[in-house]
Structure formats: C-alpha cells, structure tokens
Amino acid sequence: MKKIIPLILVPLLFSLISCGNSRKENRLVVFHAGSLTLPMKALADSFTVMHPKTEFRMEAAGSVDCARKITELGRSCDILASADYQVIEKLLIPEHAYMNQAFAVNSMVIAYTPGSHRADEINSVNWPEILLSPEVFYGRSDPNTDPCGYRTLLVLQLAKDHYREKPGTRSFTISDFTEKDKRFIRPKEVDLLALLANHSIDYIFIYKSVALQHGLRFLELPPEINLGDSTMADFYARAQLKIRGSSPGDSVLVKGTPITYSFTIPHNAENPELAKKFADFLTDPNGGQKILRSMGQ
C-alpha cells in the first residue's frame, strides 16, 4: 500500500495543477466604476458567448479607489475601466499602465422618484432652490473616491455662474451645497440608489446612464453645466478642484471635461492576452459599443 498510494496521487496532482492553470488562463479580473456595474455584466455575458471558458471576477468601486487598489494596495487586475479618463492619466500612467482608451460617454443629471419632495415642481431653472430647501434632502458621492462625486462639485461650480446670469433665479454659493446633507455622501454614486429608493433622500446627482438603467425619473441639466457636450470642453475647463492623489498626502487637480470613460490594461495584469481580446470586444462598434449604446452610454 505504501508503494501504491504515490502512484495514485501523482496523476491526481498533475490534474489539479493543470486545472488550476487552465482556470487562471481563462480568468479576467476587472476593476470598474460603480456606474458600469450593469453594463459590465451585460458585456461579460456577451463576451462569454464567444469565449465560453472565460471566468470574470468583477470589482465595482469609485474609479479613484479602483486606481488606488493598484497604486496603494499593490493589487493586480487585467482591465481597469474608469468613469473618467483623467483617473488613468493622472494616477496610473506611466508607472502602472501605458494605455488610456476611451470607450463611452455620459452626462450628469439629477435623479428622483415620484415620492420626492417637490417632484412636481422641479425644473432646469429652479433645481438649486429646491435642493437647498430645508425639507428636501439630496445625496452625492465622495469626490475623493468617485468621479461622479467631484463632477457633482464641478457641475455646481458651472451652475453658479450659469444661473447668476438668469433673471429670477436664486443665487447660491458652493458651500451652500457642500455643507448641506453631508450625512448622505457615499463612496460611489450607485450607493445612493438605495437611499433614494427608501425615501431617505429626495434627489441625487448621478449619471444619465445609471438613471436610465434603473428606471428613475431625472432632470436634464443645461448643456452648459451637465458635462455631456463634447463641443464645450473649453467652457467646462473653467471649473476645477483638487482631490486626494494616488498616495496619502498627494493631491490631484481635476478640471471640468466632457464625461469620457476609458480603460487600461495595467502593467501587472496576470492575463493580458485575454484582456486584449476583451478590449477589442469593448471597442467593437457591433460588439461592446452596441451594448453600451443600448444602456444609455
């Protein structure tokens, strides 16, 4: 028996090693923005039809936090998909990645439900007055972890000047908004959806695609402030702020830009060949791009 047991275990051991290597070759680790949660699932489902053995490992977080998983925690992923191309450009290139490929666009809206206070009154002119009303509560994401969070502040900066020129509109300061409802700040924008659904808050600043994907009512903001018009890049750039950088103590200046999502394949990707195939699918007009368009991006 002492001679037979090793002979039985050897092929089993090789089988387990082979199985483990095969799984690793087909595993795709994706760090992605919270606003890409539903699109990424749809993209993964479609990709696995063409590549049936692919095993996706998805992690959603604010895009800045996604980058910090690499820069601060030393973690690896095969694809990092950010809600803002500036995150990859400023935090990952060139030390942690070399490419920064745009793949989707978006715009900022104010989402709400039929049960939101003053939902029957809000419009593209009076929303600052309504959101600043004492009986109304609004939510936003953290600007230090999530592009939607700092884009909310950029929208408010642009809105301050935009509405100053409109007769009959209420003037406000940025601190009027930043000092109000601080307890409803969350790490990423999709974390606000539950608060909105259970009526803890009345309104949220969020991407149009997320509002569409979740069947929310939303207020379209003027193109001068919604960060969704590619022809207004110079105008948007007038708004800017600093957020925490890639390591503690650092800061990064972000400017208003038309909302552009991008992805990269980090230097530490464990499966770069499969990542390249997914990248090709993501940018294919009849593949990933078609899926993204159908989901509001």
Protein backbone atom coordinates (compact mmCIF):
# COMPACT_ATOMS: atom_id res chain seq x y z
CA MET A 1 0.00 0.00 0.00
CA LYS A 2 2.87 2.40 0.73
CA LYS A 3 4.07 1.97 -2.88
CA ILE A 4 0.62 2.19 -4.49
CA ILE A 5 -0.58 5.46 -2.86
CA PRO A 6 2.07 7.73 -4.50
CA LEU A 7 1.27 6.22 -7.93
CA ILE A 8 -2.38 7.11 -7.47
CA LEU A 9 -1.70 10.62 -6.18
CA VAL A 10 0.75 11.70 -8.90
CA PRO A 11 -1.76 11.84 -11.80
CA LEU A 12 -4.32 13.42 -9.49
CA LEU A 13 -1.79 16.11 -8.51
CA PHE A 14 -0.97 16.84 -12.17
CA SER A 15 -4.68 17.01 -12.92
CA LEU A 16 -5.25 19.57 -10.16
CA ILE A 17 -2.28 21.69 -11.32
CA SER A 18 -3.49 21.58 -14.91
CA CYS A 19 -7.00 22.54 -13.86
CA GLY A 20 -5.66 25.45 -11.77
CA ASN A 21 -3.52 26.78 -14.64
CA SER A 22 -6.43 26.47 -17.06
CA ARG A 23 -8.67 28.49 -14.76
CA LYS A 24 -6.02 31.17 -14.38
CA GLU A 25 -5.61 31.44 -18.16
CA ASN A 26 -9.36 32.00 -18.55
CA ARG A 27 -9.83 34.33 -15.58
CA LEU A 28 -10.36 38.03 -16.24
CA VAL A 29 -10.13 40.36 -13.24
CA VAL A 30 -11.89 43.67 -13.89
CA PHE A 31 -11.85 46.72 -11.61
CA HIS A 32 -14.58 49.06 -12.80
CA ALA A 33 -16.52 52.20 -11.93
CA GLY A 34 -19.73 51.68 -9.98
CA SER A 35 -21.74 53.24 -12.80
CA LEU A 36 -20.56 50.39 -15.07
CA THR A 37 -22.00 47.63 -12.88
CA LEU A 38 -24.94 46.74 -15.12
CA PRO A 39 -23.15 47.41 -18.43
CA MET A 40 -20.18 45.26 -17.36
CA LYS A 41 -22.48 42.36 -16.55
CA ALA A 42 -24.09 42.66 -19.98
CA LEU A 43 -20.67 42.92 -21.64
CA ALA A 44 -19.37 39.88 -19.73
CA ASP A 45 -22.43 37.80 -20.64
CA SER A 46 -21.99 38.62 -24.31
CA PHE A 47 -18.23 38.04 -24.27
CA THR A 48 -18.58 34.59 -22.71
CA VAL A 49 -20.80 33.54 -25.62
CA MET A 50 -17.75 33.95 -27.87
CA HIS A 51 -15.27 32.77 -25.22
CA PRO A 52 -17.26 30.24 -23.14
CA LYS A 53 -14.49 29.34 -20.69
CA THR A 54 -13.92 32.92 -19.52
CA GLU A 55 -14.36 33.44 -15.78
CA PHE A 56 -14.98 37.08 -14.86
CA ARG A 57 -14.01 38.50 -11.47
CA MET A 58 -15.66 41.92 -11.24
CA GLU A 59 -14.98 44.53 -8.56
CA ALA A 60 -17.01 47.76 -8.56
CA ALA A 61 -15.79 50.87 -6.76
CA GLY A 62 -15.32 54.57 -7.31
CA SER A 63 -12.85 54.95 -10.18
CA VAL A 64 -10.28 56.70 -7.99
CA ASP A 65 -10.49 53.86 -5.48
CA CYS A 66 -10.10 51.37 -8.34
CA ALA A 67 -6.81 53.02 -9.26
CA ARG A 68 -5.67 53.08 -5.62
CA LYS A 69 -6.12 49.30 -5.39
CA ILE A 70 -3.16 49.17 -7.77
CA THR A 71 -1.09 52.16 -6.63
CA GLU A 72 -1.53 51.81 -2.86
CA LEU A 73 -2.51 48.18 -2.26
CA GLY A 74 -0.36 46.60 -4.98
CA ARG A 75 -3.23 44.54 -6.33
CA SER A 76 -3.40 43.31 -9.92
CA CYS A 77 -6.21 43.35 -12.45
CA ASP A 78 -6.48 42.66 -16.16
CA ILE A 79 -8.76 45.56 -17.07
CA LEU A 80 -9.40 48.80 -15.20
CA ALA A 81 -12.44 50.67 -16.55
CA SER A 82 -12.78 54.22 -15.23
CA ALA A 83 -15.66 56.68 -15.38
CA ASP A 84 -13.09 59.40 -16.07
CA TYR A 85 -10.09 59.12 -18.38
CA GLN A 86 -8.27 61.60 -16.11
CA VAL A 87 -8.05 58.97 -13.36
CA ILE A 88 -5.94 56.66 -15.52
CA GLU A 89 -3.97 59.55 -16.99
CA LYS A 90 -3.11 61.16 -13.65
CA LEU A 91 -2.87 58.18 -11.28
CA LEU A 92 -1.67 55.21 -13.36
CA ILE A 93 0.33 56.38 -16.37
CA PRO A 94 3.26 55.75 -16.83
CA GLU A 95 4.23 53.81 -13.71
CA HIS A 96 1.32 51.38 -13.65
CA ALA A 97 -0.09 51.46 -17.21
CA TYR A 98 0.78 52.71 -20.68
CA MET A 99 -2.57 52.98 -22.50
CA ASN A 100 -5.74 55.01 -21.90
CA GLN A 101 -8.50 54.06 -24.32
CA ALA A 102 -11.79 55.98 -24.38
CA PHE A 103 -14.88 53.82 -24.84
CA ALA A 104 -18.04 55.62 -23.62
CA VAL A 105 -19.57 58.99 -22.78
CA ASN A 106 -22.21 60.25 -20.36
CA SER A 107 -23.77 63.34 -18.79
CA MET A 108 -24.82 64.45 -15.31
CA VAL A 109 -28.48 64.57 -14.27
CA ILE A 110 -30.49 64.96 -11.07
CA ALA A 111 -32.49 61.79 -10.41
CA TYR A 112 -35.52 61.45 -8.18
CA THR A 113 -38.70 59.42 -7.59
CA PRO A 114 -42.42 60.24 -7.68
CA GLY A 115 -42.28 60.42 -3.88
CA SER A 116 -39.53 63.04 -3.77
CA HIS A 117 -40.44 66.31 -2.11
CA ARG A 118 -41.45 68.92 -4.71
CA ALA A 119 -41.02 66.45 -7.55
CA ASP A 120 -43.91 68.07 -9.39
CA GLU A 121 -42.19 71.49 -9.28
CA ILE A 122 -38.53 70.87 -10.11
CA ASN A 123 -37.20 72.04 -13.47
CA SER A 124 -33.94 73.02 -15.15
CA VAL A 125 -34.09 76.54 -13.67
CA ASN A 126 -35.33 76.17 -10.08
CA TRP A 127 -33.49 73.00 -9.02
CA PRO A 128 -30.87 74.87 -6.90
CA GLU A 129 -33.64 76.49 -4.86
CA ILE A 130 -35.45 73.18 -4.41
CA LEU A 131 -32.37 71.16 -3.42
CA LEU A 132 -31.41 73.82 -0.88
CA SER A 133 -34.88 73.82 0.70
CA PRO A 134 -34.84 72.67 4.36
CA GLU A 135 -37.46 69.97 3.75
CA VAL A 136 -35.54 68.45 0.83
CA PHE A 137 -32.57 66.07 1.19
CA TYR A 138 -30.11 65.24 -1.56
CA GLY A 139 -27.21 62.80 -1.94
CA ARG A 140 -23.89 62.82 -3.73
CA SER A 141 -20.82 60.61 -3.88
CA ASP A 142 -17.43 61.29 -2.32
CA PRO A 143 -15.24 63.44 -4.60
CA ASN A 144 -12.09 61.82 -3.21
CA THR A 145 -13.12 58.33 -4.28
CA ASP A 146 -15.52 58.73 -7.18
CA PRO A 147 -15.55 60.87 -10.36
CA CYS A 148 -19.30 61.35 -10.03
CA GLY A 149 -18.57 63.00 -6.68
CA TYR A 150 -16.10 65.54 -8.00
CA ARG A 151 -18.18 66.01 -11.14
CA THR A 152 -21.10 67.00 -8.92
CA LEU A 153 -18.95 69.80 -7.49
CA LEU A 154 -17.81 70.80 -10.98
CA VAL A 155 -21.45 70.96 -12.09
CA LEU A 156 -22.23 73.19 -9.11
CA GLN A 157 -19.32 75.50 -9.96
CA LEU A 158 -20.54 75.85 -13.54
CA ALA A 159 -24.16 76.25 -12.39
CA LYS A 160 -23.22 79.05 -10.00
CA ASP A 161 -22.05 81.22 -12.89
CA HIS A 162 -24.67 79.98 -15.34
CA TYR A 163 -27.65 80.86 -13.15
CA ARG A 164 -26.17 84.11 -11.96
CA GLU A 165 -26.96 85.46 -15.42
CA LYS A 166 -30.55 84.18 -15.39
CA PRO A 167 -33.16 86.66 -14.10
CA GLY A 168 -35.42 85.40 -11.35
CA THR A 169 -33.16 82.53 -10.25
CA ARG A 170 -31.76 82.10 -6.76
CA SER A 171 -28.06 82.85 -6.29
CA PHE A 172 -26.05 80.39 -4.20
CA THR A 173 -22.53 79.54 -3.14
CA ILE A 174 -20.82 76.18 -3.48
CA SER A 175 -20.67 75.89 0.32
CA ASP A 176 -24.47 76.16 0.42
CA PHE A 177 -24.48 72.72 -1.20
CA THR A 178 -21.37 71.18 0.31
CA GLU A 179 -22.42 72.00 3.88
CA LYS A 180 -25.93 70.61 3.38
CA ASP A 181 -26.82 66.92 3.79
CA LYS A 182 -23.23 65.74 4.39
CA ARG A 183 -24.53 62.57 6.02
CA PHE A 184 -25.76 61.39 2.63
CA ILE A 185 -22.33 61.33 0.96
CA ARG A 186 -21.40 57.81 -0.18
CA PRO A 187 -18.22 56.20 -1.65
CA LYS A 188 -19.72 55.74 -5.14
CA GLU A 189 -22.78 57.03 -6.94
CA VAL A 190 -24.66 53.72 -7.15
CA ASP A 191 -24.56 53.51 -3.33
CA LEU A 192 -27.08 56.37 -3.37
CA LEU A 193 -29.74 54.35 -5.18
CA ALA A 194 -30.91 52.53 -2.04
CA LEU A 195 -31.25 55.82 -0.15
CA LEU A 196 -33.37 57.19 -2.96
CA ALA A 197 -35.50 54.04 -3.17
CA ASN A 198 -36.34 54.03 0.55
CA HIS A 199 -37.04 57.80 0.53
CA SER A 200 -34.18 58.67 2.88
CA ILE A 201 -33.27 61.30 0.29
CA ASP A 202 -35.24 63.05 -2.44
CA TYR A 203 -32.65 63.71 -5.14
CA ILE A 204 -29.22 62.51 -6.24
CA PHE A 205 -26.59 63.81 -8.65
CA ILE A 206 -25.84 60.87 -10.93
CA TYR A 207 -25.01 59.82 -14.47
CA LYS A 208 -27.79 59.76 -17.03
CA SER A 209 -26.97 56.15 -17.95
CA VAL A 210 -27.49 54.97 -14.35
CA ALA A 211 -30.82 56.80 -14.11
CA LEU A 212 -31.96 55.15 -17.35
CA GLN A 213 -30.77 51.68 -16.34
CA HIS A 214 -32.67 51.88 -13.03
CA GLY A 215 -35.85 53.43 -14.42
CA LEU A 216 -35.53 56.63 -12.40
CA ARG A 217 -37.09 59.97 -13.14
CA PHE A 218 -34.42 62.54 -13.85
CA LEU A 219 -33.93 66.18 -14.65
CA GLU A 220 -31.83 67.00 -17.69
CA LEU A 221 -29.42 69.83 -16.90
CA PRO A 222 -28.46 72.52 -19.44
CA PRO A 223 -25.54 71.51 -21.70
CA GLU A 224 -23.53 74.41 -20.27
CA ILE A 225 -23.28 72.55 -16.95
CA ASN A 226 -24.05 68.83 -17.50
CA LEU A 227 -20.51 67.90 -18.71
CA GLY A 228 -22.09 65.98 -21.56
CA ASP A 229 -21.39 68.21 -24.58
CA SER A 230 -18.13 67.45 -26.38
CA THR A 231 -18.13 70.90 -28.02
CA MET A 232 -17.97 72.71 -24.66
CA ALA A 233 -14.65 71.38 -23.37
CA ASP A 234 -13.07 74.83 -23.01
CA PHE A 235 -16.12 76.11 -21.15
CA TYR A 236 -16.18 73.15 -18.74
CA ALA A 237 -12.47 73.58 -18.01
CA ARG A 238 -13.23 76.78 -16.11
CA ALA A 239 -14.37 74.58 -13.21
CA GLN A 240 -11.69 72.73 -11.23
CA LEU A 241 -10.87 71.32 -7.81
CA LYS A 242 -8.31 69.18 -6.02
CA ILE A 243 -8.88 65.63 -4.82
CA ARG A 244 -6.69 63.20 -2.89
CA GLY A 245 -3.95 61.71 -5.08
CA SER A 246 -2.59 58.21 -5.65
CA SER A 247 -0.92 58.11 -2.24
CA PRO A 248 -1.67 59.70 1.15
CA GLY A 249 -0.64 63.34 1.25
CA ASP A 250 -0.75 63.79 -2.53
CA SER A 251 -3.39 65.80 -4.35
CA VAL A 252 -4.52 65.90 -7.97
CA LEU A 253 -6.12 68.79 -9.83
CA VAL A 254 -9.18 67.76 -11.85
CA LYS A 255 -10.84 70.06 -14.35
CA GLY A 256 -14.25 70.04 -15.91
CA THR A 257 -14.21 67.99 -19.12
CA PRO A 258 -16.85 66.28 -21.25
CA ILE A 259 -17.52 62.99 -19.45
CA THR A 260 -15.40 60.30 -21.07
CA TYR A 261 -14.99 56.75 -19.80
CA SER A 262 -11.74 54.93 -20.53
CA PHE A 263 -9.96 51.67 -19.76
CA THR A 264 -6.44 50.36 -19.48
CA ILE A 265 -4.60 47.07 -19.18
CA PRO A 266 -2.26 47.60 -16.21
CA HIS A 267 1.38 46.51 -16.29
CA ASN A 268 0.63 43.94 -13.57
CA ALA A 269 -2.19 42.22 -15.49
CA GLU A 270 -1.96 38.46 -14.99
CA ASN A 271 -3.84 37.65 -18.19
CA PRO A 272 -3.00 40.39 -20.71
CA GLU A 273 -3.82 38.30 -23.80
CA LEU A 274 -7.40 37.67 -22.67
CA ALA A 275 -7.61 41.31 -21.56
CA LYS A 276 -6.67 42.38 -25.09
CA LYS A 277 -9.47 40.24 -26.54
CA PHE A 278 -11.95 41.84 -24.14
CA ALA A 279 -10.59 45.29 -25.02
CA ASP A 280 -11.17 44.58 -28.72
CA PHE A 281 -14.73 43.49 -27.94
CA LEU A 282 -15.33 46.57 -25.79
CA THR A 283 -14.38 48.90 -28.66
CA ASP A 284 -16.10 46.90 -31.42
CA PRO A 285 -18.95 49.04 -32.93
CA ASN A 286 -21.06 45.89 -33.33
CA GLY A 287 -19.98 44.36 -30.03
CA GLY A 288 -19.40 46.20 -26.78
CA GLN A 289 -20.21 49.60 -28.25
CA LYS A 290 -23.64 48.42 -29.32
CA ILE A 291 -24.35 47.13 -25.81
CA LEU A 292 -23.19 50.39 -24.21
CA ARG A 293 -25.36 52.48 -26.52
CA SER A 294 -28.39 50.39 -25.64
CA MET A 295 -27.71 51.11 -21.95
CA GLY A 296 -27.55 54.89 -22.25
CA GLN A 297 -23.85 55.38 -22.95
